[in-house]
Amino acid sequence: MEYIWLLALMLAIGAFAGVAAGLLGVGGGIILVPAFYYAFSSLGYESDALMQICVATSLATIIVTSVRSVLSHHKKGAVEWSILRSWAPGIAIGAVLGVLLASGLKSQTLMLVFGVLGVSVGLYMAFGRSEWRLGTAMPTGPARAILSPIVGFLSVLMGIGGGSFGVPLMSLYGRPIHNAVATAAGFGVLIAVPSTIGFLLSGWGDPTAPPFTVGRVNLIAFGVIVSMTLLTAPLGVKLAHMMDPKPLKRLFAGFIILMALNMLRKALFG
């Protein structure tokens, strides 16, 4: 029964994450990490490393979904490969640093980080404007050397791909939204691959981990989520063409803020 409940919860989470990703263009990680946490904890898996497992498993799923997204966008000529290549080293370095830090943090601290950053992402989704600009071209030189590791580092601490930070960043520097979304999917690959390898190599032999957890990656959740998101994301895309996404995006932003605030509450007050 324990495995059946775990499987059922993951099927529901994967279906919702796929629809949301297709409908609103958001990465699944912003949904998956809190959903994993509440699913695992409701089944009795409470430990200091539970948030690490949630973050690591989310990043593992992002490898598959980001590669698929990049290839799809590339066929339409939307990926700006010059930006992706020039930002790749810094993002990958930031991702590795994020794994090294996250591996030593307790669940409570990671929940606090997710809560603060999640509220920030939700507020930008709700109130950010497409005409906001910090510049007309993507940063180069020292600015890129500082910003690119930050994108990778913060994304790993939250267990998310490149979209939540990469899309706003590129939009603020004048990149068209379609190009920003396509290129940020590439950021997701750069973030997820090294971080997942790092999490697979850490945390072995944890008796409090959910069943079928390798290192810090739960294989049941990974397999089910990837399968479901690949099935339901096209449904979200179809829905996006049938309705106005703006009010839905604000509603979803409110949902993210509530989840993040709840994470903050649990981190601060238990």
C-alpha atoms as a PDB file:
ATOM      1  CA  MET A   1       0.000   0.000   0.000  1.00  0.00           C
ATOM      2  CA  GLU A   2       2.885   2.340   0.756  1.00  0.00           C
ATOM      3  CA  TYR A   3       4.207   1.995  -2.798  1.00  0.00           C
ATOM      4  CA  ILE A   4       0.717   2.345  -4.270  1.00  0.00           C
ATOM      5  CA  TRP A   5       0.105   5.629  -2.423  1.00  0.00           C
ATOM      6  CA  LEU A   6       3.530   6.925  -3.456  1.00  0.00           C
ATOM      7  CA  LEU A   7       2.852   6.003  -7.089  1.00  0.00           C
ATOM      8  CA  ALA A   8      -0.625   7.592  -7.043  1.00  0.00           C
ATOM      9  CA  LEU A   9       0.679  10.851  -5.567  1.00  0.00           C
ATOM     10  CA  MET A  10       3.484  11.044  -8.131  1.00  0.00           C
ATOM     11  CA  LEU A  11       1.061  10.430 -11.013  1.00  0.00           C
ATOM     12  CA  ALA A  12      -1.117  13.337  -9.842  1.00  0.00           C
ATOM     13  CA  ILE A  13       1.880  15.624  -9.291  1.00  0.00           C
ATOM     14  CA  GLY A  14       3.356  14.799 -12.705  1.00  0.00           C
ATOM     15  CA  ALA A  15       0.068  15.396 -14.503  1.00  0.00           C
ATOM     16  CA  PHE A  16      -0.389  18.812 -12.866  1.00  0.00           C
ATOM     17  CA  ALA A  17       3.243  19.860 -13.446  1.00  0.00           C
ATOM     18  CA  GLY A  18       3.047  18.915 -17.132  1.00  0.00           C
ATOM     19  CA  VAL A  19      -0.157  20.866 -17.756  1.00  0.00           C
ATOM     20  CA  ALA A  20       1.195  23.917 -15.903  1.00  0.00           C
ATOM     21  CA  ALA A  21       4.468  23.815 -17.849  1.00  0.00           C
ATOM     22  CA  GLY A  22       2.663  23.655 -21.187  1.00  0.00           C
ATOM     23  CA  LEU A  23      -0.008  26.190 -20.271  1.00  0.00           C
ATOM     24  CA  LEU A  24       2.105  28.836 -18.566  1.00  0.00           C
ATOM     25  CA  GLY A  25       5.621  28.180 -19.798  1.00  0.00           C
ATOM     26  CA  VAL A  26       6.984  27.628 -16.292  1.00  0.00           C
ATOM     27  CA  GLY A  27       9.450  24.912 -15.373  1.00  0.00           C
ATOM     28  CA  GLY A  28       8.134  21.963 -13.427  1.00  0.00           C
ATOM     29  CA  GLY A  29      10.638  22.395 -10.592  1.00  0.00           C
ATOM     30  CA  ILE A  30       8.786  25.297  -8.994  1.00  0.00           C
ATOM     31  CA  ILE A  31       5.839  22.893  -8.570  1.00  0.00           C
ATOM     32  CA  LEU A  32       7.689  19.626  -8.075  1.00  0.00           C
ATOM     33  CA  VAL A  33       9.884  20.527  -5.096  1.00  0.00           C
ATOM     34  CA  PRO A  34       7.071  21.533  -2.693  1.00  0.00           C
ATOM     35  CA  ALA A  35       4.822  18.795  -4.104  1.00  0.00           C
ATOM     36  CA  PHE A  36       7.502  16.157  -3.493  1.00  0.00           C
ATOM     37  CA  TYR A  37       8.051  17.479   0.002  1.00  0.00           C
ATOM     38  CA  TYR A  38       4.391  17.313   0.994  1.00  0.00           C
ATOM     39  CA  ALA A  39       3.958  13.888  -0.675  1.00  0.00           C
ATOM     40  CA  PHE A  40       6.972  12.298   1.013  1.00  0.00           C
ATOM     41  CA  SER A  41       6.310  13.883   4.403  1.00  0.00           C
ATOM     42  CA  SER A  42       2.632  12.864   4.331  1.00  0.00           C
ATOM     43  CA  LEU A  43       3.792   9.264   3.825  1.00  0.00           C
ATOM     44  CA  GLY A  44       5.991   9.528   6.915  1.00  0.00           C
ATOM     45  CA  TYR A  45       9.415  10.203   5.386  1.00  0.00           C
ATOM     46  CA  GLU A  46      10.726  12.951   7.649  1.00  0.00           C
ATOM     47  CA  SER A  47      14.470  13.548   7.821  1.00  0.00           C
ATOM     48  CA  ASP A  48      17.037  16.310   7.724  1.00  0.00           C
ATOM     49  CA  ALA A  49      17.762  15.355   4.086  1.00  0.00           C
ATOM     50  CA  LEU A  50      14.187  15.261   2.761  1.00  0.00           C
ATOM     51  CA  MET A  51      14.451  18.599   0.961  1.00  0.00           C
ATOM     52  CA  GLN A  52      17.721  17.461  -0.624  1.00  0.00           C
ATOM     53  CA  ILE A  53      15.863  14.455  -2.059  1.00  0.00           C
ATOM     54  CA  CYS A  54      13.073  16.700  -3.359  1.00  0.00           C
ATOM     55  CA  VAL A  55      15.529  19.140  -4.951  1.00  0.00           C
ATOM     56  CA  ALA A  56      17.692  16.378  -6.461  1.00  0.00           C
ATOM     57  CA  THR A  57      14.739  14.443  -7.903  1.00  0.00           C
ATOM     58  CA  SER A  58      13.270  17.599  -9.402  1.00  0.00           C
ATOM     59  CA  LEU A  59      16.608  18.413 -11.079  1.00  0.00           C
ATOM     60  CA  ALA A  60      16.835  14.870 -12.486  1.00  0.00           C
ATOM     61  CA  THR A  61      13.449  15.257 -14.197  1.00  0.00           C
ATOM     62  CA  ILE A  62      14.543  18.614 -15.609  1.00  0.00           C
ATOM     63  CA  ILE A  63      17.307  16.915 -17.628  1.00  0.00           C
ATOM     64  CA  VAL A  64      14.709  15.071 -19.712  1.00  0.00           C
ATOM     65  CA  THR A  65      12.168  17.875 -20.030  1.00  0.00           C
ATOM     66  CA  SER A  66      14.792  20.538 -20.808  1.00  0.00           C
ATOM     67  CA  VAL A  67      16.501  18.467 -23.525  1.00  0.00           C
ATOM     68  CA  ARG A  68      13.125  17.799 -25.133  1.00  0.00           C
ATOM     69  CA  SER A  69      12.234  21.491 -24.923  1.00  0.00           C
ATOM     70  CA  VAL A  70      15.546  22.694 -26.377  1.00  0.00           C
ATOM     71  CA  LEU A  71      15.265  20.322 -29.328  1.00  0.00           C
ATOM     72  CA  SER A  72      11.694  21.453 -30.017  1.00  0.00           C
ATOM     73  CA  HIS A  73      12.630  25.137 -29.851  1.00  0.00           C
ATOM     74  CA  HIS A  74      15.733  24.556 -31.991  1.00  0.00           C
ATOM     75  CA  LYS A  75      13.559  23.227 -34.819  1.00  0.00           C
ATOM     76  CA  LYS A  76      11.760  26.574 -34.765  1.00  0.00           C
ATOM     77  CA  GLY A  77      15.039  28.516 -34.690  1.00  0.00           C
ATOM     78  CA  ALA A  78      14.276  30.105 -31.327  1.00  0.00           C
ATOM     79  CA  VAL A  79      17.371  29.042 -29.331  1.00  0.00           C
ATOM     80  CA  GLU A  80      20.080  31.715 -29.177  1.00  0.00           C
ATOM     81  CA  TRP A  81      23.082  29.390 -29.168  1.00  0.00           C
ATOM     82  CA  SER A  82      25.620  32.204 -28.860  1.00  0.00           C
ATOM     83  CA  ILE A  83      24.106  33.229 -25.510  1.00  0.00           C
ATOM     84  CA  LEU A  84      23.868  29.606 -24.398  1.00  0.00           C
ATOM     85  CA  ARG A  85      27.525  28.883 -25.216  1.00  0.00           C
ATOM     86  CA  SER A  86      28.877  32.031 -23.604  1.00  0.00           C
ATOM     87  CA  TRP A  87      26.839  31.593 -20.413  1.00  0.00           C
ATOM     88  CA  ALA A  88      27.355  27.814 -20.138  1.00  0.00           C
ATOM     89  CA  PRO A  89      30.633  27.731 -18.135  1.00  0.00           C
ATOM     90  CA  GLY A  90      29.414  30.134 -15.459  1.00  0.00           C
ATOM     91  CA  ILE A  91      26.021  28.438 -15.099  1.00  0.00           C
ATOM     92  CA  ALA A  92      27.639  24.995 -14.777  1.00  0.00           C
ATOM     93  CA  ILE A  93      30.111  26.294 -12.164  1.00  0.00           C
ATOM     94  CA  GLY A  94      27.255  27.847 -10.201  1.00  0.00           C
ATOM     95  CA  ALA A  95      25.321  24.557 -10.365  1.00  0.00           C
ATOM     96  CA  VAL A  96      28.266  22.602  -8.953  1.00  0.00           C
ATOM     97  CA  LEU A  97      28.699  25.134  -6.147  1.00  0.00           C
ATOM     98  CA  GLY A  98      24.970  24.837  -5.441  1.00  0.00           C
ATOM     99  CA  VAL A  99      25.235  21.048  -5.046  1.00  0.00           C
ATOM    100  CA  LEU A 100      28.224  21.370  -2.713  1.00  0.00           C
ATOM    101  CA  LEU A 101      26.314  23.790  -0.501  1.00  0.00           C
ATOM    102  CA  ALA A 102      22.942  22.019  -0.654  1.00  0.00           C
ATOM    103  CA  SER A 103      24.506  18.654   0.250  1.00  0.00           C
ATOM    104  CA  GLY A 104      25.523  20.070   3.608  1.00  0.00           C
ATOM    105  CA  LEU A 105      22.304  21.918   4.432  1.00  0.00           C
ATOM    106  CA  LYS A 106      19.418  20.605   6.497  1.00  0.00           C
ATOM    107  CA  SER A 107      15.902  20.438   5.109  1.00  0.00           C
ATOM    108  CA  GLN A 108      14.834  23.409   7.235  1.00  0.00           C
ATOM    109  CA  THR A 109      17.469  25.666   5.666  1.00  0.00           C
ATOM    110  CA  LEU A 110      16.639  24.566   2.115  1.00  0.00           C
ATOM    111  CA  MET A 111      12.949  25.165   2.828  1.00  0.00           C
ATOM    112  CA  LEU A 112      13.820  28.687   3.958  1.00  0.00           C
ATOM    113  CA  VAL A 113      15.800  29.311   0.754  1.00  0.00           C
ATOM    114  CA  PHE A 114      13.019  27.909  -1.428  1.00  0.00           C
ATOM    115  CA  GLY A 115      10.419  30.004   0.398  1.00  0.00           C
ATOM    116  CA  VAL A 116      12.249  33.316  -0.022  1.00  0.00           C
ATOM    117  CA  LEU A 117      13.177  32.730  -3.673  1.00  0.00           C
ATOM    118  CA  GLY A 118       9.758  31.224  -4.466  1.00  0.00           C
ATOM    119  CA  VAL A 119       7.965  34.336  -3.198  1.00  0.00           C
ATOM    120  CA  SER A 120      10.290  36.475  -5.351  1.00  0.00           C
ATOM    121  CA  VAL A 121       9.584  34.387  -8.474  1.00  0.00           C
ATOM    122  CA  GLY A 122       5.833  34.470  -7.804  1.00  0.00           C
ATOM    123  CA  LEU A 123       5.789  38.238  -7.347  1.00  0.00           C
ATOM    124  CA  TYR A 124       7.670  38.741 -10.616  1.00  0.00           C
ATOM    125  CA  MET A 125       5.238  36.428 -12.433  1.00  0.00           C
ATOM    126  CA  ALA A 126       2.292  38.344 -11.015  1.00  0.00           C
ATOM    127  CA  PHE A 127       3.489  41.923 -11.425  1.00  0.00           C
ATOM    128  CA  GLY A 128       6.456  41.894 -13.828  1.00  0.00           C
ATOM    129  CA  ARG A 129       5.997  43.830 -17.070  1.00  0.00           C
ATOM    130  CA  SER A 130       7.359  42.912 -20.483  1.00  0.00           C
ATOM    131  CA  GLU A 131       8.567  46.472 -21.060  1.00  0.00           C
ATOM    132  CA  TRP A 132      10.893  46.501 -18.022  1.00  0.00           C
ATOM    133  CA  ARG A 133      14.538  46.796 -19.152  1.00  0.00           C
ATOM    134  CA  LEU A 134      17.986  46.788 -17.553  1.00  0.00           C
ATOM    135  CA  GLY A 135      19.729  46.980 -20.929  1.00  0.00           C
ATOM    136  CA  THR A 136      19.440  46.284 -24.643  1.00  0.00           C
ATOM    137  CA  ALA A 137      21.914  43.388 -24.876  1.00  0.00           C
ATOM    138  CA  MET A 138      22.851  40.455 -22.637  1.00  0.00           C
ATOM    139  CA  PRO A 139      25.709  41.276 -20.222  1.00  0.00           C
ATOM    140  CA  THR A 140      29.251  40.299 -21.145  1.00  0.00           C
ATOM    141  CA  GLY A 141      32.614  40.401 -19.367  1.00  0.00           C
ATOM    142  CA  PRO A 142      32.569  40.817 -15.575  1.00  0.00           C
ATOM    143  CA  ALA A 143      28.773  41.193 -15.401  1.00  0.00           C
ATOM    144  CA  ARG A 144      28.258  37.848 -17.167  1.00  0.00           C
ATOM    145  CA  ALA A 145      30.971  36.261 -15.009  1.00  0.00           C
ATOM    146  CA  ILE A 146      28.978  37.266 -11.915  1.00  0.00           C
ATOM    147  CA  LEU A 147      25.414  36.683 -13.129  1.00  0.00           C
ATOM    148  CA  SER A 148      25.860  33.300 -14.832  1.00  0.00           C
ATOM    149  CA  PRO A 149      27.060  31.410 -11.709  1.00  0.00           C
ATOM    150  CA  ILE A 150      24.305  33.075  -9.675  1.00  0.00           C
ATOM    151  CA  VAL A 151      21.659  31.681 -12.058  1.00  0.00           C
ATOM    152  CA  GLY A 152      23.069  28.159 -11.727  1.00  0.00           C
ATOM    153  CA  PHE A 153      23.643  28.410  -7.981  1.00  0.00           C
ATOM    154  CA  LEU A 154      20.180  29.698  -7.030  1.00  0.00           C
ATOM    155  CA  SER A 155      18.440  27.304  -9.422  1.00  0.00           C
ATOM    156  CA  VAL A 156      20.083  24.282  -7.779  1.00  0.00           C
ATOM    157  CA  LEU A 157      19.188  25.464  -4.281  1.00  0.00           C
ATOM    158  CA  MET A 158      15.540  25.617  -5.408  1.00  0.00           C
ATOM    159  CA  GLY A 159      15.642  22.451  -7.538  1.00  0.00           C
ATOM    160  CA  ILE A 160      14.460  24.280 -10.653  1.00  0.00           C
ATOM    161  CA  GLY A 161      15.640  24.651 -14.257  1.00  0.00           C
ATOM    162  CA  GLY A 162      16.682  27.779 -16.073  1.00  0.00           C
ATOM    163  CA  GLY A 163      13.284  29.300 -16.749  1.00  0.00           C
ATOM    164  CA  SER A 164      12.422  30.970 -13.456  1.00  0.00           C
ATOM    165  CA  PHE A 165      15.594  33.077 -13.446  1.00  0.00           C
ATOM    166  CA  GLY A 166      16.781  32.851 -17.063  1.00  0.00           C
ATOM    167  CA  VAL A 167      13.579  34.067 -18.755  1.00  0.00           C
ATOM    168  CA  PRO A 168      13.191  37.229 -16.615  1.00  0.00           C
ATOM    169  CA  LEU A 169      16.918  37.949 -16.944  1.00  0.00           C
ATOM    170  CA  MET A 170      16.913  37.720 -20.735  1.00  0.00           C
ATOM    171  CA  SER A 171      13.654  39.657 -20.988  1.00  0.00           C
ATOM    172  CA  LEU A 172      15.110  42.445 -18.849  1.00  0.00           C
ATOM    173  CA  TYR A 173      18.011  42.643 -21.307  1.00  0.00           C
ATOM    174  CA  GLY A 174      15.829  42.949 -24.379  1.00  0.00           C
ATOM    175  CA  ARG A 175      15.590  39.394 -25.675  1.00  0.00           C
ATOM    176  CA  PRO A 176      12.193  38.487 -27.232  1.00  0.00           C
ATOM    177  CA  ILE A 177      10.147  36.266 -24.924  1.00  0.00           C
ATOM    178  CA  HIS A 178      10.109  33.269 -27.304  1.00  0.00           C
ATOM    179  CA  ASN A 179      13.897  33.357 -27.593  1.00  0.00           C
ATOM    180  CA  ALA A 180      14.229  33.807 -23.831  1.00  0.00           C
ATOM    181  CA  VAL A 181      12.052  30.757 -23.097  1.00  0.00           C
ATOM    182  CA  ALA A 182      13.883  28.630 -25.681  1.00  0.00           C
ATOM    183  CA  THR A 183      17.368  29.605 -24.519  1.00  0.00           C
ATOM    184  CA  ALA A 184      16.473  29.261 -20.826  1.00  0.00           C
ATOM    185  CA  ALA A 185      15.531  25.648 -21.539  1.00  0.00           C
ATOM    186  CA  GLY A 186      19.188  25.198 -22.456  1.00  0.00           C
ATOM    187  CA  PHE A 187      20.142  26.789 -19.144  1.00  0.00           C
ATOM    188  CA  GLY A 188      18.052  24.044 -17.539  1.00  0.00           C
ATOM    189  CA  VAL A 189      20.208  21.314 -19.091  1.00  0.00           C
ATOM    190  CA  LEU A 190      23.403  23.038 -17.931  1.00  0.00           C
ATOM    191  CA  ILE A 191      21.995  23.304 -14.407  1.00  0.00           C
ATOM    192  CA  ALA A 192      20.419  19.871 -14.111  1.00  0.00           C
ATOM    193  CA  VAL A 193      23.117  17.559 -15.531  1.00  0.00           C
ATOM    194  CA  PRO A 194      26.058  18.405 -13.210  1.00  0.00           C
ATOM    195  CA  SER A 195      23.817  18.878 -10.173  1.00  0.00           C
ATOM    196  CA  THR A 196      22.038  15.531 -10.670  1.00  0.00           C
ATOM    197  CA  ILE A 197      25.388  13.732 -10.994  1.00  0.00           C
ATOM    198  CA  GLY A 198      26.507  15.377  -7.765  1.00  0.00           C
ATOM    199  CA  PHE A 199      23.338  14.391  -5.900  1.00  0.00           C
ATOM    200  CA  LEU A 200      23.548  10.795  -7.210  1.00  0.00           C
ATOM    201  CA  LEU A 201      27.012  10.523  -5.646  1.00  0.00           C
ATOM    202  CA  SER A 202      25.952  11.872  -2.241  1.00  0.00           C
ATOM    203  CA  GLY A 203      23.729  10.642   0.576  1.00  0.00           C
ATOM    204  CA  TRP A 204      24.111   6.887   0.107  1.00  0.00           C
ATOM    205  CA  GLY A 205      22.840   4.575   2.838  1.00  0.00           C
ATOM    206  CA  ASP A 206      20.262   6.943   4.326  1.00  0.00           C
ATOM    207  CA  PRO A 207      17.760   4.696   6.179  1.00  0.00           C
ATOM    208  CA  THR A 208      15.178   7.493   6.375  1.00  0.00           C
ATOM    209  CA  ALA A 209      15.001   8.031   2.589  1.00  0.00           C
ATOM    210  CA  PRO A 210      11.890   6.968   0.609  1.00  0.00           C
ATOM    211  CA  PRO A 211      12.150   3.581  -1.149  1.00  0.00           C
ATOM    212  CA  PHE A 212      14.167   3.355  -4.392  1.00  0.00           C
ATOM    213  CA  THR A 213      16.270   6.422  -3.614  1.00  0.00           C
ATOM    214  CA  VAL A 214      19.740   6.372  -5.185  1.00  0.00           C
ATOM    215  CA  GLY A 215      22.004   8.937  -3.586  1.00  0.00           C
ATOM    216  CA  ARG A 216      19.496  11.757  -3.220  1.00  0.00           C
ATOM    217  CA  VAL A 217      17.399  10.981  -6.344  1.00  0.00           C
ATOM    218  CA  ASN A 218      14.154   9.030  -5.897  1.00  0.00           C
ATOM    219  CA  LEU A 219      13.796   6.764  -8.923  1.00  0.00           C
ATOM    220  CA  ILE A 220      10.035   6.174  -8.548  1.00  0.00           C
ATOM    221  CA  ALA A 221       9.293   9.886  -8.560  1.00  0.00           C
ATOM    222  CA  PHE A 222      11.737  10.510 -11.413  1.00  0.00           C
ATOM    223  CA  GLY A 223      10.254   7.850 -13.698  1.00  0.00           C
ATOM    224  CA  VAL A 224       6.617   8.689 -13.030  1.00  0.00           C
ATOM    225  CA  ILE A 225       7.059  12.463 -13.265  1.00  0.00           C
ATOM    226  CA  VAL A 226       8.963  12.303 -16.554  1.00  0.00           C
ATOM    227  CA  SER A 227       6.363   9.984 -18.073  1.00  0.00           C
ATOM    228  CA  MET A 228       3.418  12.103 -16.949  1.00  0.00           C
ATOM    229  CA  THR A 229       4.864  15.491 -17.906  1.00  0.00           C
ATOM    230  CA  LEU A 230       5.680  14.235 -21.410  1.00  0.00           C
ATOM    231  CA  LEU A 231       2.045  13.130 -21.723  1.00  0.00           C
ATOM    232  CA  THR A 232       0.317  16.167 -20.212  1.00  0.00           C
ATOM    233  CA  ALA A 233       2.522  19.077 -21.346  1.00  0.00           C
ATOM    234  CA  PRO A 234       1.003  18.994 -24.888  1.00  0.00           C
ATOM    235  CA  LEU A 235      -2.434  19.301 -23.244  1.00  0.00           C
ATOM    236  CA  GLY A 236      -1.264  22.435 -21.482  1.00  0.00           C
ATOM    237  CA  VAL A 237      -0.020  23.854 -24.781  1.00  0.00           C
ATOM    238  CA  LYS A 238      -3.421  23.250 -26.382  1.00  0.00           C
ATOM    239  CA  LEU A 239      -5.183  24.934 -23.462  1.00  0.00           C
ATOM    240  CA  ALA A 240      -2.835  27.909 -23.764  1.00  0.00           C
ATOM    241  CA  HIS A 241      -4.093  28.519 -27.309  1.00  0.00           C
ATOM    242  CA  MET A 242      -7.723  28.262 -26.191  1.00  0.00           C
ATOM    243  CA  MET A 243      -7.719  30.820 -23.393  1.00  0.00           C
ATOM    244  CA  ASP A 244      -6.088  34.044 -22.208  1.00  0.00           C
ATOM    245  CA  PRO A 245      -2.961  33.028 -20.257  1.00  0.00           C
ATOM    246  CA  LYS A 246      -2.499  36.348 -18.411  1.00  0.00           C
ATOM    247  CA  PRO A 247      -5.126  35.895 -15.659  1.00  0.00           C
ATOM    248  CA  LEU A 248      -4.111  32.236 -15.362  1.00  0.00           C
ATOM    249  CA  LYS A 249      -0.492  33.255 -14.930  1.00  0.00           C
ATOM    250  CA  ARG A 250      -1.429  35.617 -12.101  1.00  0.00           C
ATOM    251  CA  LEU A 251      -3.526  32.909 -10.486  1.00  0.00           C
ATOM    252  CA  PHE A 252      -0.620  30.494 -10.742  1.00  0.00           C
ATOM    253  CA  ALA A 253       1.740  33.146  -9.352  1.00  0.00           C
ATOM    254  CA  GLY A 254      -0.540  33.394  -6.324  1.00  0.00           C
ATOM    255  CA  PHE A 255      -0.406  29.617  -5.984  1.00  0.00           C
ATOM    256  CA  ILE A 256       3.412  29.671  -6.053  1.00  0.00           C
ATOM    257  CA  ILE A 257       3.517  32.452  -3.455  1.00  0.00           C
ATOM    258  CA  LEU A 258       1.198  30.508  -1.136  1.00  0.00           C
ATOM    259  CA  MET A 259       3.315  27.355  -1.459  1.00  0.00           C
ATOM    260  CA  ALA A 260       6.491  29.349  -0.832  1.00  0.00           C
ATOM    261  CA  LEU A 261       4.978  31.099   2.191  1.00  0.00           C
ATOM    262  CA  ASN A 262       3.914  27.736   3.585  1.00  0.00           C
ATOM    263  CA  MET A 263       7.491  26.515   3.150  1.00  0.00           C
ATOM    264  CA  LEU A 264       8.673  29.569   5.061  1.00  0.00           C
ATOM    265  CA  ARG A 265       6.155  28.877   7.828  1.00  0.00           C
ATOM    266  CA  LYS A 266       7.315  25.279   8.208  1.00  0.00           C
ATOM    267  CA  ALA A 267      10.969  26.315   8.118  1.00  0.00           C
ATOM    268  CA  LEU A 268      10.533  28.998  10.754  1.00  0.00           C
ATOM    269  CA  PHE A 269       7.870  27.524  13.043  1.00  0.00           C
ATOM    270  CA  GLY A 270       7.784  23.791  12.230  1.00  0.00           C
END
